[in-house]
Structures are given as structure tokens and as C-alpha cells.
Amino acid sequence: MSEKETKSDRTGIQVISRAASILRVLKEAQAGMSLGKIAEQVDLPRSTVQRITSALAEENFVISDAQGGGLRLGPELSALAGAAQYNIVEHCRLLLTELTQKTGETTDLAVMRGIGMVFLDQVPGTHRLTTVSKVGEVFPLTTTANGKACLAKMDQQEATKLIRNEWDRNGVKRDMAELLEQLEDVRTRGLAYDLDEHASGVSAIGFAFHDWAGELHSISVPVPSTRFAEQRKTIEKALIDTSANIQRTFE
């Protein structure tokens, strides 16, 4: 490869990296952002941001906000996200089925979406008494095993912001230090727990992982609390094995 070609490759990679940075910044701005604000956030010249966003706009990856609020993510990204979500469900379905076969319990797949966990798929348990959630249902972050597992994967400052937002929104008064200590324990163990916190009579264990696009997902096993103690070790081992399998695929 010639020096000219090598330089061209480096330039192309740099542009992709900058475009990705811009898209991530826009992801956090629901109402849109001006070119100047984007440039400030990604630490690039305004002219560079304008060139990159113009190229992204041609592909419908970004669009102008209808209310005059600058630029926001475009419909093409939603289409790609939908395809990625389908692939995640398809890929994880066998893992969920294997977990249910090993434990006899219901197994859930959820994705973190801003202020909550959205259920994407579920394999029902084989016991007469099982726990069931609807696909598309949104669960909180701070009282669920899947939510806490995802929070533990995040930067502490960002996680704290989401926790505080959830508590303020729902009028919850809790000790932040205590929950952050729980999240540190989740990082150490690799598993998060919901012990009758979200719903009375239901406990759960789960772990989180990043998919190919960097989005946070969680696989969890909810159990009627009446048999949680006897099932706990079986579920923990099955989830740890599944987590190791997931990491080989995505991380």
C-alpha cells in the first residue's frame, strides 16, 4: 500500500470517528442542536461539523428539526436501529430458551432506553406459577435486576444522573450512596438482584451487556419469591454461563 493510500485510509477513519461522535451527541439532544453547540460538544471546528452533518443529512442520518431547533437524528438511523434490535432478539432467543430449560423459569431480554428498560423478548417458564411481562413494557432502572445491571455498566456520573432523574420523577426518597454501593457489588459479581423491590412477591437476577452498536441490554430471570431461595444458585450459575457466552459474541 502506498503512502498516499495509507494517508487516505487514516483520513477516512477519522471522518467516520467524527461522524460517530456527532451522532452520539445528537442522541442526547431530543429537541435538536445547532451546529455551534455540536461543534462545542465534539470539540471540532464549526466548518468541519457542517461538512460532516451535510453528508449525514444526504443519507437521512440527520435532519433539520421542524421547530427550528437545529439538527436531530434522522429516520434512517431508526430503521437501522430496528434492524439491529431484530437481530438481537433473533440472536438471543436460543440463549433465553436454554436458560429457561436449565432453570424452569421465565427468561427476559430487555434494552435500556433512556429512562427505563424496554422488554424485547421473553421465554415463559415451565412451572405452573410463573412471572410474565409484556413485550414493549417499560420497567424502571433502580428497582429491577435488569435496570441495575445496566446502570452498573455505565459511567458512575451518568448512572447517578439517571438514578436521580427516576427518583425525582417518581417522588422517591432513597440513599444514593447505598444504591451506588449496590452497583459496585454488581460490577464485582457480574449479576444484579431485585429482591421484592419492583413488585411484591417477585424477585429476579440479571446481567447486562453491550451489543454491536454499544447499546445496553440485559437478560434476567424473574422468579416468584416463594421459590427464589431454592432456585437462586441454579439461576446464578446459568446466568454466569450465559453471560460468558454473550461476551464472546459482543464484547
Protein backbone atom coordinates (compact mmCIF):
# COMPACT_ATOMS: atom_id res chain seq x y z
CA MET A 1 0.00 0.00 0.00
CA SER A 2 1.37 3.42 -0.97
CA GLU A 3 1.89 6.29 1.47
CA LYS A 4 -0.89 8.20 -0.29
CA GLU A 5 -3.32 5.31 0.16
CA THR A 6 -2.36 4.91 3.82
CA LYS A 7 -2.98 8.60 4.47
CA SER A 8 -6.33 8.38 2.67
CA ASP A 9 -7.35 5.43 4.86
CA ARG A 10 -6.43 7.32 8.02
CA THR A 11 -8.44 10.34 6.87
CA GLY A 12 -11.46 8.15 6.11
CA ILE A 13 -11.30 6.51 9.54
CA GLN A 14 -11.05 9.93 11.18
CA VAL A 15 -14.16 11.15 9.36
CA ILE A 16 -16.12 8.08 10.45
CA SER A 17 -14.99 8.58 14.04
CA ARG A 18 -16.03 12.25 13.96
CA ALA A 19 -19.39 11.41 12.40
CA ALA A 20 -19.99 8.83 15.14
CA SER A 21 -19.17 11.44 17.81
CA ILE A 22 -21.66 13.87 16.28
CA LEU A 23 -24.40 11.21 16.15
CA ARG A 24 -23.81 10.31 19.80
CA VAL A 25 -24.13 13.96 20.82
CA LEU A 26 -27.37 14.30 18.86
CA LYS A 27 -28.71 11.14 20.51
CA GLU A 28 -28.72 13.00 23.84
CA ALA A 29 -30.44 16.10 22.40
CA GLN A 30 -34.09 15.18 21.86
CA ALA A 31 -35.06 18.66 20.63
CA GLY A 32 -32.12 19.13 18.25
CA MET A 33 -28.86 21.09 18.41
CA SER A 34 -27.28 23.95 16.50
CA LEU A 35 -24.05 23.50 14.54
CA GLY A 36 -22.23 25.69 17.05
CA LYS A 37 -23.42 23.63 20.01
CA ILE A 38 -22.49 20.37 18.28
CA ALA A 39 -19.04 21.75 17.47
CA GLU A 40 -18.58 22.72 21.11
CA GLN A 41 -19.65 19.27 22.34
CA VAL A 42 -17.39 17.28 19.99
CA ASP A 43 -14.51 19.79 20.14
CA LEU A 44 -14.30 20.32 16.38
CA PRO A 45 -14.37 23.46 14.17
CA ARG A 46 -17.87 24.52 13.13
CA SER A 47 -16.89 24.22 9.44
CA THR A 48 -15.86 20.58 9.95
CA VAL A 49 -19.12 19.79 11.72
CA GLN A 50 -21.07 21.47 8.91
CA ARG A 51 -19.34 19.34 6.25
CA ILE A 52 -19.93 16.10 8.15
CA THR A 53 -23.56 16.84 9.05
CA SER A 54 -24.30 17.82 5.44
CA ALA A 55 -23.07 14.40 4.32
CA LEU A 56 -25.09 12.71 7.07
CA ALA A 57 -28.18 14.69 6.05
CA GLU A 58 -27.89 13.46 2.46
CA GLU A 59 -28.24 9.91 3.81
CA ASN A 60 -31.08 10.89 6.20
CA PHE A 61 -28.93 10.11 9.24
CA VAL A 62 -29.62 13.65 10.48
CA ILE A 63 -32.44 16.07 9.66
CA SER A 64 -33.33 19.66 10.47
CA ASP A 65 -35.67 19.98 13.43
CA ALA A 66 -39.16 21.05 12.32
CA GLN A 67 -39.39 23.52 15.22
CA GLY A 68 -36.18 25.30 14.23
CA GLY A 69 -34.12 23.67 16.97
CA GLY A 70 -31.17 22.79 14.74
CA LEU A 71 -30.26 19.23 13.79
CA ARG A 72 -31.56 15.95 15.17
CA LEU A 73 -31.20 12.25 14.37
CA GLY A 74 -32.91 11.21 11.15
CA PRO A 75 -35.24 8.34 10.18
CA GLU A 76 -32.55 6.21 8.57
CA LEU A 77 -30.95 5.64 11.97
CA SER A 78 -34.29 4.45 13.36
CA ALA A 79 -34.54 1.96 10.50
CA LEU A 80 -31.04 0.67 11.25
CA ALA A 81 -31.81 0.50 14.97
CA GLY A 82 -34.94 -1.51 14.24
CA ALA A 83 -32.94 -3.98 12.18
CA ALA A 84 -30.31 -4.25 14.92
CA GLN A 85 -33.00 -4.82 17.55
CA TYR A 86 -34.45 -7.65 15.48
CA ASN A 87 -31.01 -9.22 15.19
CA ILE A 88 -30.50 -9.01 18.95
CA VAL A 89 -33.83 -10.73 19.61
CA GLU A 90 -33.09 -13.37 16.99
CA HIS A 91 -29.58 -13.94 18.33
CA CYS A 92 -30.61 -14.12 21.99
CA ARG A 93 -33.73 -16.26 21.54
CA LEU A 94 -31.75 -19.53 21.70
CA LEU A 95 -29.91 -18.30 24.81
CA LEU A 96 -33.19 -17.39 26.51
CA THR A 97 -34.63 -20.81 25.63
CA GLU A 98 -31.57 -22.59 27.03
CA LEU A 99 -31.81 -20.54 30.24
CA THR A 100 -35.45 -21.49 30.69
CA GLN A 101 -34.63 -25.15 30.05
CA LYS A 102 -31.85 -25.05 32.68
CA THR A 103 -33.87 -23.21 35.33
CA GLY A 104 -37.51 -23.89 34.52
CA GLU A 105 -38.07 -20.14 34.99
CA THR A 106 -39.17 -17.33 32.70
CA THR A 107 -36.30 -15.54 30.94
CA ASP A 108 -36.40 -11.93 29.69
CA LEU A 109 -34.43 -9.81 27.23
CA ALA A 110 -34.61 -6.02 27.66
CA VAL A 111 -32.89 -2.96 26.22
CA MET A 112 -32.07 0.25 28.07
CA ARG A 113 -33.93 3.17 26.54
CA GLY A 114 -33.19 6.47 28.30
CA ILE A 115 -35.38 6.40 31.38
CA GLY A 116 -36.24 2.71 31.56
CA MET A 117 -35.83 -0.90 30.47
CA VAL A 118 -37.95 -1.95 27.48
CA PHE A 119 -38.76 -5.66 27.20
CA LEU A 120 -37.89 -7.10 23.78
CA ASP A 121 -38.47 -10.81 24.22
CA GLN A 122 -39.48 -13.43 26.76
CA VAL A 123 -39.48 -17.22 27.06
CA PRO A 124 -42.10 -18.36 29.61
CA GLY A 125 -41.11 -20.73 32.42
CA THR A 126 -42.31 -24.30 32.76
CA HIS A 127 -43.67 -24.06 36.33
CA ARG A 128 -47.39 -23.63 36.99
CA LEU A 129 -46.65 -20.38 38.82
CA THR A 130 -44.55 -18.12 36.58
CA THR A 131 -43.91 -14.40 36.11
CA VAL A 132 -44.93 -12.80 32.81
CA SER A 133 -44.23 -9.35 31.32
CA LYS A 134 -45.44 -7.92 28.02
CA VAL A 135 -43.01 -7.26 25.18
CA GLY A 136 -42.75 -3.48 24.89
CA GLU A 137 -43.47 -2.92 28.58
CA VAL A 138 -41.16 -0.38 30.27
CA PHE A 139 -39.68 -1.12 33.70
CA PRO A 140 -37.72 1.24 35.99
CA LEU A 141 -33.95 1.23 36.34
CA THR A 142 -33.37 1.40 40.09
CA THR A 143 -35.66 -1.37 41.40
CA THR A 144 -35.19 -4.08 38.77
CA ALA A 145 -32.39 -6.58 38.23
CA ASN A 146 -32.06 -5.70 34.54
CA GLY A 147 -32.07 -1.96 35.27
CA LYS A 148 -29.43 -2.17 37.98
CA ALA A 149 -27.30 -4.45 35.80
CA CYS A 150 -27.29 -1.78 33.06
CA LEU A 151 -26.62 1.09 35.48
CA ALA A 152 -23.59 -0.83 36.78
CA LYS A 153 -22.17 -0.93 33.23
CA MET A 154 -22.34 2.86 32.92
CA ASP A 155 -20.03 5.67 33.99
CA GLN A 156 -20.95 6.49 37.60
CA GLN A 157 -21.70 10.14 36.86
CA GLU A 158 -24.12 9.26 34.05
CA ALA A 159 -25.69 6.47 36.13
CA THR A 160 -26.18 8.85 39.06
CA LYS A 161 -27.92 11.34 36.78
CA LEU A 162 -30.38 8.67 35.56
CA ILE A 163 -31.00 7.44 39.10
CA ARG A 164 -31.69 10.94 40.39
CA ASN A 165 -33.99 11.63 37.44
CA GLU A 166 -36.02 8.47 38.14
CA TRP A 167 -36.31 9.20 41.83
CA ASP A 168 -37.28 12.85 41.31
CA ARG A 169 -39.85 11.88 38.68
CA ASN A 170 -41.49 9.35 40.99
CA GLY A 171 -41.05 11.20 44.28
CA VAL A 172 -38.70 8.53 45.66
CA LYS A 173 -36.51 9.29 48.69
CA ARG A 174 -33.60 6.85 48.90
CA ASP A 175 -29.94 6.82 49.86
CA MET A 176 -27.82 7.37 46.73
CA ALA A 177 -24.65 6.07 48.42
CA GLU A 178 -26.41 2.81 49.27
CA LEU A 179 -27.52 2.22 45.67
CA LEU A 180 -24.09 3.13 44.27
CA GLU A 181 -22.61 0.57 46.66
CA GLN A 182 -25.06 -1.99 45.28
CA LEU A 183 -23.94 -1.16 41.74
CA GLU A 184 -20.30 -1.64 42.73
CA ASP A 185 -21.25 -5.07 44.04
CA VAL A 186 -22.95 -5.80 40.70
CA ARG A 187 -19.70 -4.94 38.89
CA THR A 188 -17.81 -7.34 41.14
CA ARG A 189 -20.28 -10.22 40.96
CA GLY A 190 -21.44 -9.68 37.38
CA LEU A 191 -25.06 -10.16 38.49
CA ALA A 192 -27.74 -7.77 39.73
CA TYR A 193 -30.63 -8.60 42.06
CA ASP A 194 -34.21 -7.45 42.62
CA LEU A 195 -35.42 -8.87 45.93
CA ASP A 196 -39.11 -7.94 46.02
CA GLU A 197 -38.17 -4.34 45.13
CA HIS A 198 -40.10 -3.74 41.93
CA ALA A 199 -43.10 -5.96 42.58
CA SER A 200 -44.09 -7.65 45.82
CA GLY A 201 -43.77 -11.41 45.54
CA VAL A 202 -41.36 -11.33 42.57
CA SER A 203 -37.55 -11.48 42.72
CA ALA A 204 -35.07 -11.53 39.84
CA ILE A 205 -31.42 -11.90 38.86
CA GLY A 206 -29.87 -10.45 35.69
CA PHE A 207 -26.74 -9.34 33.88
CA ALA A 208 -26.10 -6.62 31.28
CA PHE A 209 -24.09 -6.46 28.07
CA HIS A 210 -23.36 -4.09 25.18
CA ASP A 211 -24.49 -5.13 21.70
CA TRP A 212 -22.63 -4.50 18.42
CA ALA A 213 -23.81 -0.86 18.38
CA GLY A 214 -22.84 -0.24 22.01
CA GLU A 215 -26.43 -0.28 23.33
CA LEU A 216 -27.02 -1.73 26.79
CA HIS A 217 -29.18 -4.86 27.05
CA SER A 218 -29.97 -7.19 29.89
CA ILE A 219 -31.01 -10.80 30.27
CA SER A 220 -32.83 -11.56 33.51
CA VAL A 221 -34.70 -14.38 35.22
CA PRO A 222 -37.70 -13.30 37.33
CA VAL A 223 -38.96 -15.79 39.92
CA PRO A 224 -41.88 -15.91 42.36
CA SER A 225 -40.21 -15.05 45.66
CA THR A 226 -41.67 -18.15 47.29
CA ARG A 227 -39.15 -20.34 45.43
CA PHE A 228 -36.32 -17.83 44.95
CA ALA A 229 -34.10 -19.22 47.71
CA GLU A 230 -34.20 -22.79 46.38
CA GLN A 231 -33.65 -21.65 42.78
CA ARG A 232 -31.05 -18.97 43.40
CA LYS A 233 -27.85 -21.00 42.89
CA THR A 234 -29.20 -22.72 39.79
CA ILE A 235 -30.19 -19.38 38.23
CA GLU A 236 -26.91 -17.69 39.16
CA LYS A 237 -24.83 -20.44 37.53
CA ALA A 238 -27.00 -20.48 34.39
CA LEU A 239 -26.79 -16.67 34.05
CA ILE A 240 -23.00 -16.60 34.56
CA ASP A 241 -22.60 -19.24 31.83
CA THR A 242 -24.88 -17.25 29.51
CA SER A 243 -23.02 -14.01 30.27
CA ALA A 244 -19.71 -15.64 29.28
CA ASN A 245 -21.32 -16.81 26.02
CA ILE A 246 -22.67 -13.31 25.30
CA GLN A 247 -19.29 -11.69 25.95
CA ARG A 248 -17.63 -13.93 23.39
CA THR A 249 -20.16 -12.72 20.83
CA PHE A 250 -20.49 -8.99 21.53
CA GLU A 251 -17.55 -7.80 23.61
